[in-house]
Amino acid sequence: MYKLLPILLLISALSCNSKSEDEEPITPTPTLPVQVWTTSADQVNLLYKRSLAFATGRDDRFTTITIDTALALQPIEGFGYTLTGGSAMLLHQMGATERAKLLKELFGSDSTSIGVSYLRMSIGASDLDATVFSYNDLPTGQTDPDLSEFSIAKDEEHLIPIIKEILAINPDIKFMGSPWSPPTWMKTNGSSKGGQLKPEYYGVYAQYFVKYIQAYKAHGIEIDAITPQNEPHHPGNNPSMQMLSGQQADFIKNHLGPAFQAAGIATKIIIWDHNCDEPNYPIEVLNDPAAKAFVHGSAFHMYAGDAGALSTVYAAHPDKALYFTEQWTGKNGTFDGDFQWHIKNIIIGTMRNWSRVALEWNLANDPNYGPHTPGGCTECKGAVTIDGNTATKNVAYYIIGQVAKFVPPGSTRLTSNLTGPLPNVAFKRPDGKYVLLVLNEGADIQSFNIQAGNRWITASLGGKSAGTFVW
């Protein structure tokens, strides 16, 4: 058989060259108009791509998801992760070739990439840094109200070089900064863990934010938004700080907002940045007109409460934006359970409740779930696990991968109805295409219709699977 292969190829070539002049040219197989990417909880399919044709109309055997194409709701700013200091360190320690490949898979726009479009970072250390630090650390008993010792040197070691490589891949990516703690000398307990900001340092701390934004800008990095305090009702982390709603309103209206205004800083101020069980906190801040004037929106996590809290805040202050900025996956979770819960609650749930952003927690960890500070999270699982030059994709990679590339910044959410075990959310992209993300919570395959304007799609989705439809 192997000896016949050249003869067969020659016959084939001669056959192709001997077409009669009136023979019709070979027509390529047409590309079907609906593209579908599917991930199943059993990991048999991981962003598996297939194509569908439009249907001629409704199939009466199946339920229908109807998209209102005429009513644009909130704009979408992006999807992504927190690029912790530990994540940046692990990435920076990879070989240049291996790191470039991984960053392209995360932040690129081609068929091999998931198109991450938004990153959150800590201002100073988070609990997923190797050590605790601020940008103005001093020996015990010393203070620096002029911030003459301010320095982002720690970030220049790993974080900023990685950000610059990311920007080379995606120059339009947005960054949010969130502090876990100010310098200890500004705090009531003199510790990186807990305590509150001393009132006499409110103005100094506002200038600390100004210097942070200006220092990053000097590196060519624009900080799109900041939050005044990560998880202000959780002073038990290391680092951390308690900041009550009245204190946050005071800090913003009398110090941070005016400082940004005086320095010509357009970085957005986003409040709360904590759980969905306390919508009253951002409402209390926004109920203060002087504070509200400087606030762009409110941010949430979901370690308590549910996505309905975002709609509660929206109903009280519909002129302010909403963001979802953190949710972890842990070493004791399963791909099955985490993928379904996060797609339903963090992606679909927050988007259906007015969020402009959905972020998973840390981008990367090592095989021992490090690095982390003493007392920091010992179980946080990154979107990827980095072991030297080897990167393994985890569930959070596919949670964000199911939506980020398909719903780019500038998209808008559209109304779609909920039907049966098929939670979903719809979008219109800047290029005019429609996107529908659907989760089949049931164990069995589900068939359904999709209607958008005068277009119909007859679709099916395996049990415990998410599908992203683009047309």
Protein backbone atom coordinates (compact mmCIF):
# COMPACT_ATOMS: atom_id res chain seq x y z
CA MET A 1 0.00 0.00 0.00
CA TYR A 2 2.77 2.43 0.91
CA LYS A 3 4.42 1.87 -2.48
CA LEU A 4 1.17 2.74 -4.24
CA LEU A 5 0.81 6.13 -2.49
CA PRO A 6 2.90 8.19 -4.97
CA ILE A 7 1.00 6.62 -7.87
CA LEU A 8 -2.35 7.45 -6.25
CA LEU A 9 -1.25 11.04 -5.63
CA LEU A 10 -0.15 11.34 -9.26
CA ILE A 11 -3.47 9.99 -10.51
CA SER A 12 -5.28 12.42 -8.23
CA ALA A 13 -3.23 15.35 -9.53
CA LEU A 14 -3.80 14.36 -13.13
CA SER A 15 -7.50 13.98 -12.46
CA CYS A 16 -7.68 17.48 -10.97
CA ASN A 17 -5.84 18.95 -13.94
CA SER A 18 -8.05 17.27 -16.53
CA LYS A 19 -11.35 19.04 -15.80
CA SER A 20 -13.31 20.03 -18.87
CA GLU A 21 -13.69 23.75 -19.49
CA ASP A 22 -17.43 23.66 -18.81
CA GLU A 23 -17.13 21.80 -15.48
CA GLU A 24 -18.40 23.80 -12.44
CA PRO A 25 -15.67 24.79 -9.93
CA ILE A 26 -15.77 23.00 -6.59
CA THR A 27 -17.81 25.04 -4.12
CA PRO A 28 -16.29 25.21 -0.60
CA THR A 29 -18.45 24.04 2.28
CA PRO A 30 -20.31 27.14 3.56
CA THR A 31 -19.64 28.32 7.09
CA LEU A 32 -22.74 27.93 9.21
CA PRO A 33 -23.85 31.25 10.70
CA VAL A 34 -24.21 30.28 14.39
CA GLN A 35 -21.03 29.45 16.29
CA VAL A 36 -21.31 27.59 19.60
CA TRP A 37 -18.64 26.98 22.27
CA THR A 38 -19.52 24.36 24.89
CA THR A 39 -17.96 23.37 28.22
CA SER A 40 -19.35 20.43 30.19
CA ALA A 41 -19.03 19.95 33.91
CA ASP A 42 -17.51 16.49 33.32
CA GLN A 43 -14.74 18.17 31.24
CA VAL A 44 -15.45 16.04 28.18
CA ASN A 45 -15.96 19.34 26.33
CA LEU A 46 -13.75 22.31 27.19
CA LEU A 47 -14.68 25.30 25.01
CA TYR A 48 -15.53 22.85 22.23
CA LYS A 49 -16.55 24.67 19.05
CA ARG A 50 -19.31 23.68 16.62
CA SER A 51 -21.60 25.46 14.15
CA LEU A 52 -25.35 25.60 13.57
CA ALA A 53 -27.60 26.87 10.80
CA PHE A 54 -30.52 29.19 11.47
CA ALA A 55 -33.90 27.48 11.78
CA THR A 56 -36.88 28.44 9.63
CA GLY A 57 -39.01 29.09 12.72
CA ARG A 58 -40.04 27.86 16.14
CA ASP A 59 -39.93 24.16 16.93
CA ASP A 60 -43.08 23.75 19.05
CA ARG A 61 -41.65 20.74 20.86
CA PHE A 62 -39.19 22.94 22.75
CA THR A 63 -39.21 25.92 25.08
CA THR A 64 -38.04 29.28 23.74
CA ILE A 65 -35.46 31.79 25.00
CA THR A 66 -36.53 35.13 23.53
CA ILE A 67 -34.06 38.02 23.29
CA ASP A 68 -35.34 41.58 23.09
CA THR A 69 -32.92 43.02 20.53
CA ALA A 70 -34.37 46.53 20.79
CA LEU A 71 -33.68 47.24 24.47
CA ALA A 72 -30.04 47.86 25.42
CA LEU A 73 -29.31 47.62 29.16
CA GLN A 74 -25.94 48.12 30.91
CA PRO A 75 -22.67 48.44 28.98
CA ILE A 76 -20.08 45.72 29.53
CA GLU A 77 -16.54 46.70 30.53
CA GLY A 78 -14.90 43.28 30.72
CA PHE A 79 -14.25 39.89 32.30
CA GLY A 80 -11.16 38.60 34.05
CA TYR A 81 -9.30 38.02 37.31
CA THR A 82 -7.25 39.63 40.03
CA LEU A 83 -3.60 39.73 39.01
CA THR A 84 -2.26 39.28 42.54
CA GLY A 85 1.36 39.97 43.37
CA GLY A 86 1.83 36.24 43.82
CA SER A 87 0.35 35.55 40.38
CA ALA A 88 2.70 38.10 38.83
CA MET A 89 5.71 36.60 40.61
CA LEU A 90 4.93 33.09 39.33
CA LEU A 91 4.41 34.38 35.80
CA HIS A 92 7.59 36.46 35.88
CA GLN A 93 9.65 33.46 37.03
CA MET A 94 8.57 31.38 34.01
CA GLY A 95 10.79 31.13 30.97
CA ALA A 96 10.15 33.89 28.45
CA THR A 97 8.84 31.49 25.78
CA GLU A 98 6.48 29.64 28.11
CA ARG A 99 5.24 32.89 29.68
CA ALA A 100 4.57 34.50 26.30
CA LYS A 101 2.52 31.48 25.24
CA LEU A 102 0.45 31.52 28.44
CA LEU A 103 -0.14 35.28 28.39
CA LYS A 104 -1.28 35.06 24.78
CA GLU A 105 -3.73 32.29 25.69
CA LEU A 106 -5.13 34.46 28.47
CA PHE A 107 -5.12 37.93 26.91
CA GLY A 108 -4.96 37.43 23.16
CA SER A 109 -7.76 37.67 20.63
CA ASP A 110 -7.15 34.72 18.30
CA SER A 111 -8.80 31.30 18.30
CA THR A 112 -6.41 29.90 20.94
CA SER A 113 -7.06 32.70 23.44
CA ILE A 114 -9.84 33.45 25.94
CA GLY A 115 -9.61 37.24 25.61
CA VAL A 116 -9.40 38.45 29.23
CA SER A 117 -10.29 42.15 29.14
CA TYR A 118 -10.25 43.37 32.78
CA LEU A 119 -7.82 42.89 35.68
CA ARG A 120 -7.98 43.88 39.31
CA MET A 121 -4.78 44.41 41.30
CA SER A 122 -3.96 45.08 44.93
CA ILE A 123 -2.66 48.48 45.96
CA GLY A 124 0.23 47.26 48.08
CA ALA A 125 0.06 43.62 49.15
CA SER A 126 -2.99 41.38 49.16
CA ASP A 127 -3.03 38.16 51.15
CA LEU A 128 -1.82 36.39 47.99
CA ASP A 129 1.54 38.11 48.01
CA ALA A 130 4.58 36.38 49.43
CA THR A 131 5.00 39.12 52.05
CA VAL A 132 2.97 41.93 53.57
CA PHE A 133 3.93 45.40 52.37
CA SER A 134 2.59 48.87 51.58
CA TYR A 135 4.14 51.62 49.48
CA ASN A 136 5.25 53.51 52.58
CA ASP A 137 6.59 51.09 55.18
CA LEU A 138 8.49 52.62 58.10
CA PRO A 139 10.10 51.44 61.34
CA THR A 140 7.71 51.24 64.28
CA GLY A 141 6.98 54.66 65.74
CA GLN A 142 7.86 56.64 62.60
CA THR A 143 5.40 58.52 60.39
CA ASP A 144 5.67 60.16 56.97
CA PRO A 145 2.77 62.58 56.45
CA ASP A 146 4.49 64.08 53.39
CA LEU A 147 4.81 60.57 51.84
CA SER A 148 8.44 61.34 51.03
CA GLU A 149 9.26 57.62 51.37
CA PHE A 150 6.47 56.49 49.01
CA SER A 151 7.72 53.82 46.59
CA ILE A 152 6.21 51.18 44.29
CA ALA A 153 9.55 49.34 44.07
CA LYS A 154 7.94 46.06 45.17
CA ASP A 155 5.53 46.23 42.22
CA GLU A 156 8.38 47.06 39.84
CA GLU A 157 9.99 43.70 40.61
CA HIS A 158 7.30 41.39 39.16
CA LEU A 159 3.88 43.01 38.77
CA ILE A 160 4.67 45.95 36.51
CA PRO A 161 6.85 43.93 34.10
CA ILE A 162 4.00 41.42 33.68
CA ILE A 163 1.45 44.20 33.17
CA LYS A 164 3.63 45.66 30.42
CA GLU A 165 3.76 42.28 28.67
CA ILE A 166 -0.03 42.00 28.95
CA LEU A 167 -0.46 45.51 27.53
CA ALA A 168 1.68 44.52 24.55
CA ILE A 169 -0.87 41.78 23.83
CA ASN A 170 -4.02 43.75 24.70
CA PRO A 171 -3.43 47.52 24.88
CA ASP A 172 -7.10 48.14 25.73
CA ILE A 173 -7.29 46.01 28.88
CA LYS A 174 -8.62 47.87 31.96
CA PHE A 175 -7.13 47.83 35.46
CA MET A 176 -8.75 48.32 38.86
CA GLY A 177 -6.71 48.84 42.03
CA SER A 178 -7.89 47.84 45.52
CA PRO A 179 -5.97 48.22 48.81
CA TRP A 180 -6.04 45.52 51.48
CA SER A 181 -4.43 47.89 54.00
CA PRO A 182 -2.81 51.33 54.17
CA PRO A 183 0.64 51.69 55.75
CA THR A 184 0.50 50.50 59.34
CA TRP A 185 1.52 53.90 60.73
CA MET A 186 -1.76 55.33 59.42
CA LYS A 187 -3.86 52.78 61.37
CA THR A 188 -5.38 52.76 64.82
CA ASN A 189 -3.77 49.44 65.78
CA GLY A 190 -0.40 49.87 64.02
CA SER A 191 -0.84 46.48 62.37
CA SER A 192 -1.28 45.23 58.82
CA LYS A 193 -4.25 43.18 60.04
CA GLY A 194 -7.48 44.89 61.10
CA GLY A 195 -7.71 48.29 62.71
CA GLN A 196 -9.11 51.45 61.13
CA LEU A 197 -7.67 54.47 59.34
CA LYS A 198 -6.80 57.24 61.80
CA PRO A 199 -8.90 60.34 61.02
CA GLU A 200 -5.81 62.55 61.04
CA TYR A 201 -4.45 60.55 58.09
CA TYR A 202 -7.52 60.66 55.84
CA GLY A 203 -5.97 63.43 53.74
CA VAL A 204 -2.56 61.73 53.66
CA TYR A 205 -4.13 58.45 52.56
CA ALA A 206 -5.97 60.26 49.76
CA GLN A 207 -2.58 61.51 48.51
CA TYR A 208 -1.28 57.93 48.77
CA PHE A 209 -3.88 56.96 46.11
CA VAL A 210 -2.87 59.95 43.98
CA LYS A 211 0.79 58.93 44.12
CA TYR A 212 -0.11 55.31 43.26
CA ILE A 213 -2.04 56.34 40.15
CA GLN A 214 0.67 58.78 39.08
CA ALA A 215 3.47 56.24 39.65
CA TYR A 216 1.69 53.67 37.48
CA LYS A 217 1.01 56.27 34.81
CA ALA A 218 4.73 57.01 34.71
CA HIS A 219 5.14 53.37 33.66
CA GLY A 220 2.50 53.79 30.93
CA ILE A 221 -0.21 52.02 32.95
CA GLU A 222 -3.56 53.75 33.36
CA ILE A 223 -5.57 52.78 36.44
CA ASP A 224 -9.19 52.91 35.28
CA ALA A 225 -10.77 52.54 38.73
CA ILE A 226 -9.97 52.10 42.41
CA THR A 227 -11.90 51.00 45.46
CA PRO A 228 -11.05 52.69 48.78
CA GLN A 229 -10.86 49.37 50.66
CA ASN A 230 -11.08 45.69 49.82
CA GLU A 231 -13.68 43.94 52.00
CA PRO A 232 -14.10 46.74 54.53
CA HIS A 233 -16.18 44.52 56.84
CA HIS A 234 -13.53 41.76 56.98
CA PRO A 235 -10.69 42.97 59.23
CA GLY A 236 -9.48 39.41 59.94
CA ASN A 237 -7.36 38.88 56.83
CA ASN A 238 -3.65 39.74 56.59
CA PRO A 239 -3.46 42.45 55.37
CA SER A 240 -6.88 44.02 55.97
CA MET A 241 -8.68 47.02 57.48
CA GLN A 242 -12.16 47.84 58.68
CA MET A 243 -13.83 50.86 57.08
CA LEU A 244 -17.43 51.58 58.07
CA SER A 245 -19.86 53.14 55.60
CA GLY A 246 -19.81 56.53 57.34
CA GLN A 247 -16.01 56.49 57.34
CA GLN A 248 -15.92 55.64 53.63
CA ALA A 249 -18.35 58.43 52.80
CA ASP A 250 -16.28 60.89 54.84
CA PHE A 251 -13.03 59.75 53.24
CA ILE A 252 -14.44 60.08 49.71
CA LYS A 253 -16.29 63.38 49.98
CA ASN A 254 -13.77 65.28 52.08
CA HIS A 255 -10.46 63.78 50.97
CA LEU A 256 -10.21 61.24 48.12
CA GLY A 257 -12.64 62.89 45.69
CA PRO A 258 -11.22 66.39 46.14
CA ALA A 259 -7.64 65.04 45.92
CA PHE A 260 -8.40 63.35 42.58
CA GLN A 261 -10.10 66.50 41.36
CA ALA A 262 -7.18 68.72 42.35
CA ALA A 263 -4.67 66.38 40.69
CA GLY A 264 -6.71 66.09 37.49
CA ILE A 265 -7.18 62.35 37.99
CA ALA A 266 -10.08 60.73 36.10
CA THR A 267 -9.73 57.30 37.77
CA LYS A 268 -13.17 56.08 38.87
CA ILE A 269 -13.98 55.68 42.57
CA ILE A 270 -15.96 52.51 43.24
CA ILE A 271 -17.26 51.82 46.73
CA TRP A 272 -17.91 48.79 48.98
CA ASP A 273 -15.99 45.93 47.25
CA HIS A 274 -17.45 43.32 49.58
CA ASN A 275 -20.27 40.82 49.92
CA CYS A 276 -23.78 40.76 48.48
CA ASP A 277 -25.40 40.38 51.90
CA GLU A 278 -24.94 44.09 52.75
CA PRO A 279 -26.39 46.24 49.97
CA ASN A 280 -27.17 48.80 52.67
CA TYR A 281 -23.47 49.78 52.86
CA PRO A 282 -23.14 51.22 49.34
CA ILE A 283 -26.66 52.66 49.58
CA GLU A 284 -25.68 54.52 52.76
CA VAL A 285 -22.61 55.97 51.06
CA LEU A 286 -24.58 56.95 47.95
CA ASN A 287 -27.32 58.51 50.08
CA ASP A 288 -24.76 61.15 51.04
CA PRO A 289 -24.99 63.60 48.08
CA ALA A 290 -21.52 65.02 48.66
CA ALA A 291 -19.93 61.55 48.59
CA LYS A 292 -22.11 60.37 45.71
CA ALA A 293 -20.85 63.19 43.51
CA PHE A 294 -17.41 61.55 43.45
CA VAL A 295 -18.57 57.90 43.21
CA HIS A 296 -18.82 56.07 39.90
CA GLY A 297 -20.35 52.85 41.25
CA SER A 298 -20.36 49.96 43.72
CA ALA A 299 -18.49 46.63 43.70
CA PHE A 300 -19.46 43.26 45.13
CA HIS A 301 -18.19 39.81 46.10
CA MET A 302 -20.42 36.79 46.77
CA TYR A 303 -19.05 34.92 49.75
CA ALA A 304 -22.40 35.81 51.33
CA GLY A 305 -25.70 36.93 49.82
CA ASP A 306 -26.72 36.65 46.18
CA ALA A 307 -26.65 38.67 42.97
CA GLY A 308 -30.03 40.25 43.71
CA ALA A 309 -28.16 42.69 45.99
CA LEU A 310 -26.84 44.44 42.89
CA SER A 311 -30.37 45.11 41.70
CA THR A 312 -31.26 46.43 45.16
CA VAL A 313 -28.48 49.03 44.87
CA TYR A 314 -29.43 49.73 41.25
CA ALA A 315 -33.03 50.40 42.26
CA ALA A 316 -31.86 52.89 44.90
CA HIS A 317 -29.31 54.63 42.67
CA PRO A 318 -29.85 53.70 39.01
CA ASP A 319 -27.46 56.41 37.85
CA LYS A 320 -24.45 54.58 39.34
CA ALA A 321 -22.57 51.63 37.84
CA LEU A 322 -22.24 48.16 39.36
CA TYR A 323 -19.27 45.80 39.32
CA PHE A 324 -18.58 42.26 40.47
CA THR A 325 -14.93 42.10 41.48
CA GLU A 326 -14.09 38.84 43.27
CA GLN A 327 -15.08 35.21 43.75
CA TRP A 328 -12.68 32.41 44.55
CA THR A 329 -12.44 28.76 43.63
CA GLY A 330 -10.70 26.59 46.22
CA LYS A 331 -8.59 23.46 46.41
CA ASN A 332 -11.47 21.44 47.88
CA GLY A 333 -13.94 22.39 45.15
CA THR A 334 -14.78 20.24 42.13
CA PHE A 335 -14.73 21.28 38.48
CA ASP A 336 -18.33 20.08 38.19
CA GLY A 337 -19.73 22.05 41.11
CA ASP A 338 -17.60 25.17 40.71
CA PHE A 339 -18.14 25.52 36.97
CA GLN A 340 -21.93 25.31 37.20
CA TRP A 341 -22.25 27.54 40.29
CA HIS A 342 -19.96 30.26 38.96
CA ILE A 343 -21.50 30.33 35.48
CA LYS A 344 -24.98 30.59 37.01
CA ASN A 345 -24.22 33.07 39.79
CA ILE A 346 -21.05 34.99 38.95
CA ILE A 347 -21.43 35.32 35.19
CA ILE A 348 -25.14 35.01 34.39
CA GLY A 349 -26.40 36.18 37.78
CA THR A 350 -24.33 39.35 38.12
CA MET A 351 -24.87 40.34 34.48
CA ARG A 352 -28.64 39.93 34.82
CA ASN A 353 -28.41 42.19 37.89
CA TRP A 354 -26.71 45.12 36.14
CA SER A 355 -23.01 44.36 36.63
CA ARG A 356 -20.62 45.70 34.00
CA VAL A 357 -17.76 43.42 35.02
CA ALA A 358 -17.39 39.85 36.34
CA LEU A 359 -14.06 38.87 37.85
CA GLU A 360 -12.85 35.61 39.34
CA TRP A 361 -10.23 35.80 42.09
CA ASN A 362 -6.56 35.01 41.63
CA LEU A 363 -5.04 34.44 38.22
CA ALA A 364 -2.35 31.96 39.29
CA ASN A 365 -1.01 29.88 42.16
CA ASP A 366 1.75 27.32 42.62
CA PRO A 367 1.05 23.61 43.29
CA ASN A 368 0.92 24.31 47.06
CA TYR A 369 -1.66 27.11 46.66
CA GLY A 370 0.95 29.75 47.30
CA PRO A 371 2.33 32.25 47.58
CA HIS A 372 0.37 33.85 50.40
CA THR A 373 1.06 36.01 53.42
CA PRO A 374 1.16 34.61 56.96
CA GLY A 375 -2.54 34.26 57.72
CA GLY A 376 -3.51 34.68 54.05
CA CYS A 377 -5.59 32.28 51.98
CA THR A 378 -4.07 28.78 51.92
CA GLU A 379 -6.69 27.21 49.60
CA CYS A 380 -7.22 29.76 46.81
CA LYS A 381 -6.98 28.08 43.42
CA GLY A 382 -5.84 30.21 40.52
CA ALA A 383 -7.20 30.11 37.00
CA VAL A 384 -3.90 28.41 36.24
CA THR A 385 -1.46 26.49 38.42
CA ILE A 386 2.14 27.37 37.56
CA ASP A 387 4.83 24.81 38.38
CA GLY A 388 8.08 26.19 37.02
CA ASN A 389 7.47 26.56 33.28
CA THR A 390 4.38 24.35 33.25
CA ALA A 391 0.90 25.91 33.46
CA THR A 392 -2.19 23.82 34.16
CA LYS A 393 -5.60 25.32 33.42
CA ASN A 394 -8.13 25.14 36.26
CA VAL A 395 -11.89 25.69 36.44
CA ALA A 396 -11.71 29.50 36.68
CA TYR A 397 -9.92 29.57 33.32
CA TYR A 398 -12.98 28.01 31.70
CA ILE A 399 -15.49 30.07 33.70
CA ILE A 400 -14.04 33.28 32.28
CA GLY A 401 -13.20 31.58 28.98
CA GLN A 402 -16.88 30.85 28.44
CA VAL A 403 -17.64 34.58 28.10
CA ALA A 404 -14.64 36.96 27.92
CA LYS A 405 -13.69 36.65 24.25
CA PHE A 406 -17.27 36.41 23.04
CA VAL A 407 -18.51 39.51 24.92
CA PRO A 408 -15.84 42.20 24.43
CA PRO A 409 -15.86 45.60 26.15
CA GLY A 410 -18.40 47.88 24.53
CA SER A 411 -21.03 45.16 24.34
CA THR A 412 -24.42 45.75 25.95
CA ARG A 413 -26.66 43.36 27.82
CA LEU A 414 -30.05 42.56 26.33
CA THR A 415 -33.19 41.24 28.00
CA SER A 416 -33.82 37.50 27.71
CA ASN A 417 -36.42 35.38 29.47
CA LEU A 418 -35.64 32.58 31.90
CA THR A 419 -37.18 29.22 31.09
CA GLY A 420 -36.88 25.84 32.83
CA PRO A 421 -33.39 24.73 33.92
CA LEU A 422 -31.76 27.11 31.43
CA PRO A 423 -30.40 30.24 33.15
CA ASN A 424 -29.04 32.57 30.49
CA VAL A 425 -27.90 36.08 29.61
CA ALA A 426 -27.79 37.84 26.24
CA PHE A 427 -25.59 40.57 24.76
CA LYS A 428 -25.12 42.61 21.61
CA ARG A 429 -21.52 43.20 20.59
CA PRO A 430 -20.00 46.33 19.05
CA ASP A 431 -19.72 44.44 15.73
CA GLY A 432 -23.50 43.90 15.74
CA LYS A 433 -23.41 40.20 16.57
CA TYR A 434 -25.57 38.67 19.28
CA VAL A 435 -24.31 36.41 22.08
CA LEU A 436 -26.34 34.14 24.34
CA LEU A 437 -24.74 32.28 27.26
CA VAL A 438 -26.91 29.37 28.44
CA LEU A 439 -26.38 26.90 31.29
CA ASN A 440 -28.22 23.58 31.30
CA GLU A 441 -28.51 22.77 35.00
CA GLY A 442 -30.29 19.48 34.35
CA ALA A 443 -28.62 16.10 34.05
CA ASP A 444 -30.10 15.38 30.62
CA ILE A 445 -29.74 17.04 27.25
CA GLN A 446 -32.06 20.00 26.72
CA SER A 447 -33.32 21.25 23.37
CA PHE A 448 -34.67 24.78 23.06
CA ASN A 449 -35.42 27.57 20.62
CA ILE A 450 -33.59 30.89 20.55
CA GLN A 451 -35.46 33.85 19.06
CA ALA A 452 -33.76 37.18 18.36
CA GLY A 453 -35.71 39.50 16.11
CA ASN A 454 -36.75 37.49 13.05
CA ARG A 455 -34.01 34.91 13.55
CA TRP A 456 -34.63 31.48 15.03
CA ILE A 457 -32.14 28.91 16.27
CA THR A 458 -32.98 25.37 17.35
CA ALA A 459 -30.31 24.35 19.83
CA SER A 460 -29.46 21.57 22.23
CA LEU A 461 -27.14 21.50 25.20
CA GLY A 462 -25.88 18.48 27.11
CA GLY A 463 -26.62 18.05 30.80
CA LYS A 464 -24.60 20.21 33.19
CA SER A 465 -23.07 22.14 30.34
CA ALA A 466 -22.70 25.79 29.35
CA GLY A 467 -22.99 26.95 25.76
CA THR A 468 -22.09 30.33 24.28
CA PHE A 469 -23.98 31.01 21.04
CA VAL A 470 -22.69 33.75 18.70
CA TRP A 471 -24.38 34.88 15.46
